[in-house]
């Protein structure tokens, strides 16, 4: 292994940037280029470029809804053939039909044979859910969950992923009841982050500035469900040590939180070793290693999240 390239154990691989929603906390409209599904030939090339790395976990998602890829089940199957022991995690917005006989049903069922963990993105209840995930409809989500009851989950663990903001914080118990009703896995809470640099201060405060009452409510009732690390600095960032983020175009970025930054290279044309040996990547790696981030990471949204995680007493 090239000494400038660590073993990649975690990957975040985007295979489509098509999405059927326009979520309030997502910056996809600011960073995506041409809408595209990754062709299987390019997917095979990408997998071949990283097959010698000991991947332990891979999230096959990015700025799009993964299940919209017309060959999504084949995408998952191809990955497992190359990395049979790697855990696949996928998130879905559940805003499509999986009714018996629907065009998504077979693809959905086939993909579950290869997916180890599936996140159902449910943020808020009814009107708050529809507000943050427009143009999602609550009744469409319920229809999805009703049909999911009759689908063989294989060995796939289903988790409810809830992005918490100031509007939906008190909806958590209602979604927890929904989780129990449909026999879904655990509820994981993510504190909302501001992905958009274009958001006004007023917009940021309205969505991300929690009141004392909300902080106490989360502390007293849901602290053990909140994801993240309250003690974190740039030197703790695993992305530059063992992580890989690629876009649907094959571009290699620093991480899933810096999707608007200039890519370090492209895996369709370059090797991961050459990309990691490049000056730009090495500068970012060295900056994080000394907790003196370069311009690439200076606006890290995770770093901005640390104070609130600390205030909440998150121990993960």
C-alpha atoms as a PDB file:
ATOM      1  CA  UNK A   1       0.000   0.000   0.000  1.00  0.00           C
ATOM      2  CA  UNK A   2       1.287   3.466  -0.880  1.00  0.00           C
ATOM      3  CA  UNK A   3       2.403   5.107   2.368  1.00  0.00           C
ATOM      4  CA  UNK A   4       0.395   8.211   1.468  1.00  0.00           C
ATOM      5  CA  UNK A   5      -2.771   6.131   1.094  1.00  0.00           C
ATOM      6  CA  UNK A   6      -4.263   4.507   4.165  1.00  0.00           C
ATOM      7  CA  UNK A   7      -6.434   1.432   4.028  1.00  0.00           C
ATOM      8  CA  UNK A   8      -9.916   2.523   3.004  1.00  0.00           C
ATOM      9  CA  UNK A   9     -12.351   0.862   5.374  1.00  0.00           C
ATOM     10  CA  UNK A  10     -15.363   3.169   4.883  1.00  0.00           C
ATOM     11  CA  UNK A  11     -16.828   4.377   1.605  1.00  0.00           C
ATOM     12  CA  UNK A  12     -19.689   6.653   0.601  1.00  0.00           C
ATOM     13  CA  UNK A  13     -20.450   5.921  -3.039  1.00  0.00           C
ATOM     14  CA  UNK A  14     -23.064   7.843  -5.031  1.00  0.00           C
ATOM     15  CA  UNK A  15     -24.612   6.028  -7.988  1.00  0.00           C
ATOM     16  CA  UNK A  16     -27.357   8.522  -8.866  1.00  0.00           C
ATOM     17  CA  UNK A  17     -28.059  12.192  -8.196  1.00  0.00           C
ATOM     18  CA  UNK A  18     -31.697  11.989  -9.244  1.00  0.00           C
ATOM     19  CA  UNK A  19     -34.076  12.726  -6.384  1.00  0.00           C
ATOM     20  CA  UNK A  20     -37.842  12.994  -6.113  1.00  0.00           C
ATOM     21  CA  UNK A  21     -37.692  15.422  -3.148  1.00  0.00           C
ATOM     22  CA  UNK A  22     -36.268  18.849  -2.321  1.00  0.00           C
ATOM     23  CA  UNK A  23     -35.515  18.584   1.395  1.00  0.00           C
ATOM     24  CA  UNK A  24     -35.019  21.783   3.390  1.00  0.00           C
ATOM     25  CA  UNK A  25     -31.721  20.626   4.915  1.00  0.00           C
ATOM     26  CA  UNK A  26     -30.139  19.294   1.713  1.00  0.00           C
ATOM     27  CA  UNK A  27     -27.780  21.320  -0.496  1.00  0.00           C
ATOM     28  CA  UNK A  28     -28.016  19.074  -3.567  1.00  0.00           C
ATOM     29  CA  UNK A  29     -29.312  21.856  -5.811  1.00  0.00           C
ATOM     30  CA  UNK A  30     -26.162  23.855  -5.088  1.00  0.00           C
ATOM     31  CA  UNK A  31     -23.640  21.107  -5.806  1.00  0.00           C
ATOM     32  CA  UNK A  32     -24.953  18.618  -8.351  1.00  0.00           C
ATOM     33  CA  UNK A  33     -24.185  19.001 -12.007  1.00  0.00           C
ATOM     34  CA  UNK A  34     -26.010  17.203 -14.765  1.00  0.00           C
ATOM     35  CA  UNK A  35     -28.563  14.663 -13.548  1.00  0.00           C
ATOM     36  CA  UNK A  36     -27.179  11.195 -14.041  1.00  0.00           C
ATOM     37  CA  UNK A  37     -27.493   7.532 -13.147  1.00  0.00           C
ATOM     38  CA  UNK A  38     -24.078   5.872 -13.078  1.00  0.00           C
ATOM     39  CA  UNK A  39     -23.843   3.294 -15.906  1.00  0.00           C
ATOM     40  CA  UNK A  40     -22.986  -0.241 -14.814  1.00  0.00           C
ATOM     41  CA  UNK A  41     -19.748  -0.110 -16.817  1.00  0.00           C
ATOM     42  CA  UNK A  42     -18.526   2.876 -14.791  1.00  0.00           C
ATOM     43  CA  UNK A  43     -19.687   1.254 -11.560  1.00  0.00           C
ATOM     44  CA  UNK A  44     -17.597  -1.808 -12.442  1.00  0.00           C
ATOM     45  CA  UNK A  45     -14.594   0.464 -13.106  1.00  0.00           C
ATOM     46  CA  UNK A  46     -14.989   2.209  -9.763  1.00  0.00           C
ATOM     47  CA  UNK A  47     -15.260  -1.093  -7.869  1.00  0.00           C
ATOM     48  CA  UNK A  48     -12.176  -2.405  -9.652  1.00  0.00           C
ATOM     49  CA  UNK A  49     -10.211   0.685  -8.567  1.00  0.00           C
ATOM     50  CA  UNK A  50     -10.916   0.081  -4.864  1.00  0.00           C
ATOM     51  CA  UNK A  51     -11.233  -3.729  -4.689  1.00  0.00           C
ATOM     52  CA  UNK A  52      -7.834  -4.134  -3.006  1.00  0.00           C
ATOM     53  CA  UNK A  53      -8.943  -2.058  -0.001  1.00  0.00           C
ATOM     54  CA  UNK A  54     -10.401  -3.774   3.107  1.00  0.00           C
ATOM     55  CA  UNK A  55     -13.803  -2.094   3.073  1.00  0.00           C
ATOM     56  CA  UNK A  56     -15.834  -2.818   6.180  1.00  0.00           C
ATOM     57  CA  UNK A  57     -18.792  -0.505   5.601  1.00  0.00           C
ATOM     58  CA  UNK A  58     -20.154   1.270   2.538  1.00  0.00           C
ATOM     59  CA  UNK A  59     -23.038   3.678   2.167  1.00  0.00           C
ATOM     60  CA  UNK A  60     -24.344   3.419  -1.379  1.00  0.00           C
ATOM     61  CA  UNK A  61     -26.003   6.803  -1.496  1.00  0.00           C
ATOM     62  CA  UNK A  62     -25.293  10.474  -1.911  1.00  0.00           C
ATOM     63  CA  UNK A  63     -27.225  13.408  -3.340  1.00  0.00           C
ATOM     64  CA  UNK A  64     -29.955  11.283  -4.888  1.00  0.00           C
ATOM     65  CA  UNK A  65     -32.567   8.689  -3.979  1.00  0.00           C
ATOM     66  CA  UNK A  66     -30.721   5.389  -4.540  1.00  0.00           C
ATOM     67  CA  UNK A  67     -33.797   3.371  -5.503  1.00  0.00           C
ATOM     68  CA  UNK A  68     -34.441   5.685  -8.463  1.00  0.00           C
ATOM     69  CA  UNK A  69     -31.462   4.139 -10.253  1.00  0.00           C
ATOM     70  CA  UNK A  70     -33.062   1.923 -12.930  1.00  0.00           C
ATOM     71  CA  UNK A  71     -30.577  -0.880 -12.202  1.00  0.00           C
ATOM     72  CA  UNK A  72     -30.313  -0.394  -8.462  1.00  0.00           C
ATOM     73  CA  UNK A  73     -30.644  -4.066  -7.540  1.00  0.00           C
ATOM     74  CA  UNK A  74     -27.789  -4.909  -9.940  1.00  0.00           C
ATOM     75  CA  UNK A  75     -25.686  -2.104  -8.421  1.00  0.00           C
ATOM     76  CA  UNK A  76     -26.064  -3.732  -4.996  1.00  0.00           C
ATOM     77  CA  UNK A  77     -25.401  -7.224  -6.335  1.00  0.00           C
ATOM     78  CA  UNK A  78     -22.214  -6.126  -8.114  1.00  0.00           C
ATOM     79  CA  UNK A  79     -20.904  -4.483  -4.969  1.00  0.00           C
ATOM     80  CA  UNK A  80     -21.464  -7.595  -2.842  1.00  0.00           C
ATOM     81  CA  UNK A  81     -19.673  -9.778  -5.364  1.00  0.00           C
ATOM     82  CA  UNK A  82     -16.557  -7.619  -5.004  1.00  0.00           C
ATOM     83  CA  UNK A  83     -16.940  -6.995  -1.254  1.00  0.00           C
ATOM     84  CA  UNK A  84     -18.905  -9.953   0.164  1.00  0.00           C
ATOM     85  CA  UNK A  85     -17.989  -9.144   3.785  1.00  0.00           C
ATOM     86  CA  UNK A  86     -18.590  -5.414   3.616  1.00  0.00           C
ATOM     87  CA  UNK A  87     -21.729  -4.052   5.253  1.00  0.00           C
ATOM     88  CA  UNK A  88     -23.960  -2.088   2.852  1.00  0.00           C
ATOM     89  CA  UNK A  89     -26.023   0.782   4.265  1.00  0.00           C
ATOM     90  CA  UNK A  90     -28.614   2.635   2.187  1.00  0.00           C
ATOM     91  CA  UNK A  91     -31.073   5.438   2.986  1.00  0.00           C
ATOM     92  CA  UNK A  92     -34.423   5.875   1.256  1.00  0.00           C
ATOM     93  CA  UNK A  93     -37.130   8.528   1.450  1.00  0.00           C
ATOM     94  CA  UNK A  94     -39.955   5.969   1.013  1.00  0.00           C
ATOM     95  CA  UNK A  95     -41.750   8.266  -1.439  1.00  0.00           C
ATOM     96  CA  UNK A  96     -42.450   5.726  -4.172  1.00  0.00           C
ATOM     97  CA  UNK A  97     -44.801   2.795  -4.606  1.00  0.00           C
ATOM     98  CA  UNK A  98     -43.818  -0.724  -3.638  1.00  0.00           C
ATOM     99  CA  UNK A  99     -47.360  -2.086  -4.043  1.00  0.00           C
ATOM    100  CA  UNK A 100     -47.699  -5.578  -5.447  1.00  0.00           C
ATOM    101  CA  UNK A 101     -47.190  -5.280  -9.202  1.00  0.00           C
ATOM    102  CA  UNK A 102     -45.594  -1.809  -9.091  1.00  0.00           C
ATOM    103  CA  UNK A 103     -42.445  -1.184 -11.148  1.00  0.00           C
ATOM    104  CA  UNK A 104     -40.350  -0.618  -8.002  1.00  0.00           C
ATOM    105  CA  UNK A 105     -41.489  -3.736  -6.148  1.00  0.00           C
ATOM    106  CA  UNK A 106     -39.225  -6.348  -7.749  1.00  0.00           C
ATOM    107  CA  UNK A 107     -36.187  -4.050  -7.778  1.00  0.00           C
ATOM    108  CA  UNK A 108     -36.795  -3.175  -4.137  1.00  0.00           C
ATOM    109  CA  UNK A 109     -37.132  -6.812  -3.063  1.00  0.00           C
ATOM    110  CA  UNK A 110     -34.076  -7.930  -5.036  1.00  0.00           C
ATOM    111  CA  UNK A 111     -31.905  -5.191  -3.544  1.00  0.00           C
ATOM    112  CA  UNK A 112     -32.790  -6.224   0.023  1.00  0.00           C
ATOM    113  CA  UNK A 113     -30.908  -9.481  -0.595  1.00  0.00           C
ATOM    114  CA  UNK A 114     -27.683  -7.469  -0.583  1.00  0.00           C
ATOM    115  CA  UNK A 115     -28.389  -4.514   1.736  1.00  0.00           C
ATOM    116  CA  UNK A 116     -27.438  -5.032   5.377  1.00  0.00           C
ATOM    117  CA  UNK A 117     -29.014  -1.899   6.831  1.00  0.00           C
ATOM    118  CA  UNK A 118     -31.720   0.300   5.332  1.00  0.00           C
ATOM    119  CA  UNK A 119     -32.495   3.754   6.720  1.00  0.00           C
ATOM    120  CA  UNK A 120     -36.088   4.949   6.382  1.00  0.00           C
ATOM    121  CA  UNK A 121     -35.843   8.753   6.431  1.00  0.00           C
ATOM    122  CA  UNK A 122     -38.776   9.995   8.521  1.00  0.00           C
ATOM    123  CA  UNK A 123     -38.256  13.475   9.934  1.00  0.00           C
ATOM    124  CA  UNK A 124     -41.262  14.766  11.825  1.00  0.00           C
ATOM    125  CA  UNK A 125     -44.949  13.949  11.823  1.00  0.00           C
ATOM    126  CA  UNK A 126     -47.483  14.817   9.123  1.00  0.00           C
ATOM    127  CA  UNK A 127     -47.240  18.564   8.347  1.00  0.00           C
ATOM    128  CA  UNK A 128     -43.703  18.885   9.736  1.00  0.00           C
ATOM    129  CA  UNK A 129     -42.600  15.869   7.719  1.00  0.00           C
ATOM    130  CA  UNK A 130     -44.104  17.356   4.556  1.00  0.00           C
ATOM    131  CA  UNK A 131     -42.544  20.743   5.312  1.00  0.00           C
ATOM    132  CA  UNK A 132     -38.975  19.445   5.547  1.00  0.00           C
ATOM    133  CA  UNK A 133     -39.218  16.852   2.765  1.00  0.00           C
ATOM    134  CA  UNK A 134     -41.309  18.667   0.176  1.00  0.00           C
ATOM    135  CA  UNK A 135     -42.994  17.578  -1.997  1.00  0.00           C
ATOM    136  CA  UNK A 136     -43.263  14.372   0.086  1.00  0.00           C
ATOM    137  CA  UNK A 137     -46.738  13.362   1.261  1.00  0.00           C
ATOM    138  CA  UNK A 138     -47.471  11.747   4.613  1.00  0.00           C
ATOM    139  CA  UNK A 139     -50.109   9.423   3.141  1.00  0.00           C
ATOM    140  CA  UNK A 140     -47.558   8.237   0.567  1.00  0.00           C
ATOM    141  CA  UNK A 141     -45.177   7.320   3.398  1.00  0.00           C
ATOM    142  CA  UNK A 142     -47.923   5.398   5.206  1.00  0.00           C
ATOM    143  CA  UNK A 143     -48.799   3.530   2.000  1.00  0.00           C
ATOM    144  CA  UNK A 144     -45.118   2.569   1.634  1.00  0.00           C
ATOM    145  CA  UNK A 145     -44.973   1.280   5.228  1.00  0.00           C
ATOM    146  CA  UNK A 146     -48.202  -0.689   4.810  1.00  0.00           C
ATOM    147  CA  UNK A 147     -46.834  -2.440   1.736  1.00  0.00           C
ATOM    148  CA  UNK A 148     -43.468  -2.983   3.374  1.00  0.00           C
ATOM    149  CA  UNK A 149     -45.170  -5.210   5.955  1.00  0.00           C
ATOM    150  CA  UNK A 150     -45.663  -7.815   3.231  1.00  0.00           C
ATOM    151  CA  UNK A 151     -42.121  -7.737   1.883  1.00  0.00           C
ATOM    152  CA  UNK A 152     -39.470 -10.263   2.840  1.00  0.00           C
ATOM    153  CA  UNK A 153     -36.761  -8.233   4.557  1.00  0.00           C
ATOM    154  CA  UNK A 154     -34.206 -10.981   4.011  1.00  0.00           C
ATOM    155  CA  UNK A 155     -31.446 -10.217   6.555  1.00  0.00           C
ATOM    156  CA  UNK A 156     -31.794  -6.476   6.113  1.00  0.00           C
ATOM    157  CA  UNK A 157     -32.055  -4.439   9.304  1.00  0.00           C
ATOM    158  CA  UNK A 158     -34.418  -1.468   8.899  1.00  0.00           C
ATOM    159  CA  UNK A 159     -33.727   1.679  10.919  1.00  0.00           C
ATOM    160  CA  UNK A 160     -35.690   4.930  11.215  1.00  0.00           C
ATOM    161  CA  UNK A 161     -33.385   7.890  10.541  1.00  0.00           C
ATOM    162  CA  UNK A 162     -34.729  11.171  11.937  1.00  0.00           C
ATOM    163  CA  UNK A 163     -33.087  14.553  11.293  1.00  0.00           C
ATOM    164  CA  UNK A 164     -33.969  16.760  14.266  1.00  0.00           C
ATOM    165  CA  UNK A 165     -34.536  20.492  13.866  1.00  0.00           C
ATOM    166  CA  UNK A 166     -36.404  23.164  15.814  1.00  0.00           C
ATOM    167  CA  UNK A 167     -39.646  22.463  13.978  1.00  0.00           C
ATOM    168  CA  UNK A 168     -39.919  18.708  14.522  1.00  0.00           C
ATOM    169  CA  UNK A 169     -38.207  18.144  17.881  1.00  0.00           C
ATOM    170  CA  UNK A 170     -41.467  17.425  19.722  1.00  0.00           C
ATOM    171  CA  UNK A 171     -42.689  15.035  16.992  1.00  0.00           C
ATOM    172  CA  UNK A 172     -40.182  12.352  17.981  1.00  0.00           C
ATOM    173  CA  UNK A 173     -42.622  10.331  20.190  1.00  0.00           C
ATOM    174  CA  UNK A 174     -45.140  10.127  17.345  1.00  0.00           C
ATOM    175  CA  UNK A 175     -42.544   8.754  14.938  1.00  0.00           C
ATOM    176  CA  UNK A 176     -41.359   6.359  17.649  1.00  0.00           C
ATOM    177  CA  UNK A 177     -44.914   4.995  17.858  1.00  0.00           C
ATOM    178  CA  UNK A 178     -44.969   4.683  14.078  1.00  0.00           C
ATOM    179  CA  UNK A 179     -41.713   2.724  14.250  1.00  0.00           C
ATOM    180  CA  UNK A 180     -43.225   0.297  16.743  1.00  0.00           C
ATOM    181  CA  UNK A 181     -46.456  -0.063  14.791  1.00  0.00           C
ATOM    182  CA  UNK A 182     -44.626  -1.182  11.656  1.00  0.00           C
ATOM    183  CA  UNK A 183     -42.052  -3.286  13.492  1.00  0.00           C
ATOM    184  CA  UNK A 184     -39.082  -1.265  12.295  1.00  0.00           C
ATOM    185  CA  UNK A 185     -35.622  -1.237  13.867  1.00  0.00           C
ATOM    186  CA  UNK A 186     -34.244   1.372  16.208  1.00  0.00           C
ATOM    187  CA  UNK A 187     -34.784   5.104  15.953  1.00  0.00           C
ATOM    188  CA  UNK A 188     -31.577   7.067  15.334  1.00  0.00           C
ATOM    189  CA  UNK A 189     -31.601  10.839  15.737  1.00  0.00           C
ATOM    190  CA  UNK A 190     -29.313  13.196  13.838  1.00  0.00           C
ATOM    191  CA  UNK A 191     -29.106  16.837  14.845  1.00  0.00           C
ATOM    192  CA  UNK A 192     -29.734  18.913  11.710  1.00  0.00           C
ATOM    193  CA  UNK A 193     -26.705  20.569  10.167  1.00  0.00           C
ATOM    194  CA  UNK A 194     -26.612  23.636   7.948  1.00  0.00           C
ATOM    195  CA  UNK A 195     -25.276  22.354   4.635  1.00  0.00           C
ATOM    196  CA  UNK A 196     -25.933  25.527   2.672  1.00  0.00           C
ATOM    197  CA  UNK A 197     -23.474  28.416   2.805  1.00  0.00           C
ATOM    198  CA  UNK A 198     -26.123  30.570   1.119  1.00  0.00           C
ATOM    199  CA  UNK A 199     -28.643  30.328   3.984  1.00  0.00           C
ATOM    200  CA  UNK A 200     -29.311  33.603   5.763  1.00  0.00           C
ATOM    201  CA  UNK A 201     -28.554  33.984   9.471  1.00  0.00           C
ATOM    202  CA  UNK A 202     -32.290  34.212  10.154  1.00  0.00           C
ATOM    203  CA  UNK A 203     -32.936  30.954   8.291  1.00  0.00           C
ATOM    204  CA  UNK A 204     -30.149  29.199  10.169  1.00  0.00           C
ATOM    205  CA  UNK A 205     -31.354  30.407  13.558  1.00  0.00           C
ATOM    206  CA  UNK A 206     -34.962  29.427  12.837  1.00  0.00           C
ATOM    207  CA  UNK A 207     -33.981  25.877  11.932  1.00  0.00           C
ATOM    208  CA  UNK A 208     -30.868  25.169  14.006  1.00  0.00           C
ATOM    209  CA  UNK A 209     -31.008  27.437  17.116  1.00  0.00           C
ATOM    210  CA  UNK A 210     -32.634  25.210  19.736  1.00  0.00           C
ATOM    211  CA  UNK A 211     -34.408  26.748  22.719  1.00  0.00           C
ATOM    212  CA  UNK A 212     -33.487  25.823  26.299  1.00  0.00           C
ATOM    213  CA  UNK A 213     -36.765  23.889  26.489  1.00  0.00           C
ATOM    214  CA  UNK A 214     -35.903  21.862  23.392  1.00  0.00           C
ATOM    215  CA  UNK A 215     -32.378  21.126  24.615  1.00  0.00           C
ATOM    216  CA  UNK A 216     -33.698  19.902  27.966  1.00  0.00           C
ATOM    217  CA  UNK A 217     -36.360  17.795  26.257  1.00  0.00           C
ATOM    218  CA  UNK A 218     -33.749  16.064  24.103  1.00  0.00           C
ATOM    219  CA  UNK A 219     -31.405  15.606  27.078  1.00  0.00           C
ATOM    220  CA  UNK A 220     -34.073  14.096  29.304  1.00  0.00           C
ATOM    221  CA  UNK A 221     -35.776  11.853  26.768  1.00  0.00           C
ATOM    222  CA  UNK A 222     -33.655  11.073  23.714  1.00  0.00           C
ATOM    223  CA  UNK A 223     -29.977  11.587  24.474  1.00  0.00           C
ATOM    224  CA  UNK A 224     -29.114   7.906  23.975  1.00  0.00           C
ATOM    225  CA  UNK A 225     -30.620   7.949  20.471  1.00  0.00           C
ATOM    226  CA  UNK A 226     -28.651  10.971  19.214  1.00  0.00           C
ATOM    227  CA  UNK A 227     -25.809  10.162  16.832  1.00  0.00           C
ATOM    228  CA  UNK A 228     -22.459  11.926  16.828  1.00  0.00           C
ATOM    229  CA  UNK A 229     -19.433  12.674  19.005  1.00  0.00           C
ATOM    230  CA  UNK A 230     -19.377  15.550  21.452  1.00  0.00           C
ATOM    231  CA  UNK A 231     -15.592  15.344  21.860  1.00  0.00           C
ATOM    232  CA  UNK A 232     -14.250  15.802  18.350  1.00  0.00           C
ATOM    233  CA  UNK A 233     -11.641  17.852  16.557  1.00  0.00           C
ATOM    234  CA  UNK A 234     -10.193  17.769  13.040  1.00  0.00           C
ATOM    235  CA  UNK A 235      -7.463  15.362  14.094  1.00  0.00           C
ATOM    236  CA  UNK A 236     -10.236  12.847  14.858  1.00  0.00           C
ATOM    237  CA  UNK A 237     -11.627  12.972  11.304  1.00  0.00           C
ATOM    238  CA  UNK A 238     -11.516   9.485   9.794  1.00  0.00           C
ATOM    239  CA  UNK A 239     -12.304  10.635   6.249  1.00  0.00           C
ATOM    240  CA  UNK A 240      -8.748  11.608   5.320  1.00  0.00           C
ATOM    241  CA  UNK A 241      -7.350   8.515   7.020  1.00  0.00           C
ATOM    242  CA  UNK A 242      -9.663   5.677   6.033  1.00  0.00           C
ATOM    243  CA  UNK A 243     -12.654   7.142   4.183  1.00  0.00           C
ATOM    244  CA  UNK A 244     -13.681   7.601   0.552  1.00  0.00           C
ATOM    245  CA  UNK A 245     -16.457   9.715  -0.939  1.00  0.00           C
ATOM    246  CA  UNK A 246     -17.221   9.560  -4.656  1.00  0.00           C
ATOM    247  CA  UNK A 247     -19.897  11.293  -6.711  1.00  0.00           C
ATOM    248  CA  UNK A 248     -21.930   9.850  -9.559  1.00  0.00           C
ATOM    249  CA  UNK A 249     -19.325  11.352 -11.924  1.00  0.00           C
ATOM    250  CA  UNK A 250     -16.494   9.475 -10.206  1.00  0.00           C
ATOM    251  CA  UNK A 251     -15.108  12.572  -8.500  1.00  0.00           C
ATOM    252  CA  UNK A 252     -13.322  12.006  -5.183  1.00  0.00           C
ATOM    253  CA  UNK A 253     -14.245  14.545  -2.482  1.00  0.00           C
ATOM    254  CA  UNK A 254     -13.008  15.012   1.064  1.00  0.00           C
ATOM    255  CA  UNK A 255     -16.173  13.735   2.740  1.00  0.00           C
ATOM    256  CA  UNK A 256     -19.968  13.642   2.622  1.00  0.00           C
ATOM    257  CA  UNK A 257     -20.156  17.040   4.355  1.00  0.00           C
ATOM    258  CA  UNK A 258     -18.032  18.973   1.881  1.00  0.00           C
ATOM    259  CA  UNK A 259     -19.858  18.128  -1.310  1.00  0.00           C
ATOM    260  CA  UNK A 260     -19.373  21.533  -2.906  1.00  0.00           C
ATOM    261  CA  UNK A 261     -15.582  21.497  -2.729  1.00  0.00           C
ATOM    262  CA  UNK A 262     -13.189  20.994  -5.615  1.00  0.00           C
ATOM    263  CA  UNK A 263     -12.571  17.258  -6.197  1.00  0.00           C
ATOM    264  CA  UNK A 264      -9.148  15.753  -5.593  1.00  0.00           C
ATOM    265  CA  UNK A 265      -9.378  13.623  -8.717  1.00  0.00           C
ATOM    266  CA  UNK A 266     -11.576  11.182 -10.578  1.00  0.00           C
ATOM    267  CA  UNK A 267     -11.671   7.422 -10.048  1.00  0.00           C
ATOM    268  CA  UNK A 268     -12.809   6.732 -13.601  1.00  0.00           C
ATOM    269  CA  UNK A 269      -9.471   8.036 -14.897  1.00  0.00           C
ATOM    270  CA  UNK A 270      -7.068   7.996 -11.926  1.00  0.00           C
ATOM    271  CA  UNK A 271      -6.045   5.492  -9.277  1.00  0.00           C
ATOM    272  CA  UNK A 272      -6.962   6.132  -5.655  1.00  0.00           C
ATOM    273  CA  UNK A 273      -3.244   5.999  -4.830  1.00  0.00           C
ATOM    274  CA  UNK A 274      -2.417   8.799  -7.271  1.00  0.00           C
ATOM    275  CA  UNK A 275      -5.349  10.889  -6.025  1.00  0.00           C
ATOM    276  CA  UNK A 276      -4.301  10.523  -2.384  1.00  0.00           C
ATOM    277  CA  UNK A 277      -0.687  11.296  -3.235  1.00  0.00           C
ATOM    278  CA  UNK A 278      -1.736  14.603  -4.800  1.00  0.00           C
ATOM    279  CA  UNK A 279      -0.817  17.907  -3.185  1.00  0.00           C
ATOM    280  CA  UNK A 280      -4.406  18.995  -2.501  1.00  0.00           C
ATOM    281  CA  UNK A 281      -5.326  15.799  -0.665  1.00  0.00           C
ATOM    282  CA  UNK A 282      -2.072  15.757   1.305  1.00  0.00           C
ATOM    283  CA  UNK A 283      -2.612  19.363   2.411  1.00  0.00           C
ATOM    284  CA  UNK A 284      -6.087  18.514   3.699  1.00  0.00           C
ATOM    285  CA  UNK A 285      -4.827  15.362   5.412  1.00  0.00           C
ATOM    286  CA  UNK A 286      -1.953  17.169   7.099  1.00  0.00           C
ATOM    287  CA  UNK A 287      -4.203  20.056   8.122  1.00  0.00           C
ATOM    288  CA  UNK A 288      -6.698  17.732   9.783  1.00  0.00           C
ATOM    289  CA  UNK A 289      -3.894  15.770  11.422  1.00  0.00           C
ATOM    290  CA  UNK A 290      -2.715  18.885  13.240  1.00  0.00           C
ATOM    291  CA  UNK A 291      -6.236  20.318  13.780  1.00  0.00           C
ATOM    292  CA  UNK A 292      -5.252  23.224  11.549  1.00  0.00           C
ATOM    293  CA  UNK A 293      -7.709  22.737   8.675  1.00  0.00           C
ATOM    294  CA  UNK A 294      -7.086  24.150   5.238  1.00  0.00           C
ATOM    295  CA  UNK A 295      -9.690  26.223   3.404  1.00  0.00           C
ATOM    296  CA  UNK A 296     -11.134  22.895   2.242  1.00  0.00           C
ATOM    297  CA  UNK A 297     -12.410  22.107   5.737  1.00  0.00           C
ATOM    298  CA  UNK A 298     -12.633  25.458   7.501  1.00  0.00           C
ATOM    299  CA  UNK A 299     -16.465  25.533   7.306  1.00  0.00           C
ATOM    300  CA  UNK A 300     -16.889  21.913   8.427  1.00  0.00           C
ATOM    301  CA  UNK A 301     -20.527  21.481   9.418  1.00  0.00           C
ATOM    302  CA  UNK A 302     -19.653  18.616  11.766  1.00  0.00           C
ATOM    303  CA  UNK A 303     -17.228  20.834  13.695  1.00  0.00           C
ATOM    304  CA  UNK A 304     -20.038  23.365  14.056  1.00  0.00           C
ATOM    305  CA  UNK A 305     -22.245  20.591  15.434  1.00  0.00           C
ATOM    306  CA  UNK A 306     -19.859  19.605  18.247  1.00  0.00           C
ATOM    307  CA  UNK A 307     -20.940  22.332  20.729  1.00  0.00           C
ATOM    308  CA  UNK A 308     -24.599  21.317  20.644  1.00  0.00           C
ATOM    309  CA  UNK A 309     -23.721  17.622  20.933  1.00  0.00           C
ATOM    310  CA  UNK A 310     -21.640  18.534  23.962  1.00  0.00           C
ATOM    311  CA  UNK A 311     -24.498  20.566  25.423  1.00  0.00           C
ATOM    312  CA  UNK A 312     -26.822  17.610  24.918  1.00  0.00           C
ATOM    313  CA  UNK A 313     -24.351  15.357  26.708  1.00  0.00           C
ATOM    314  CA  UNK A 314     -23.994  12.930  23.790  1.00  0.00           C
ATOM    315  CA  UNK A 315     -21.414  10.286  24.692  1.00  0.00           C
ATOM    316  CA  UNK A 316     -21.169   8.303  21.417  1.00  0.00           C
END
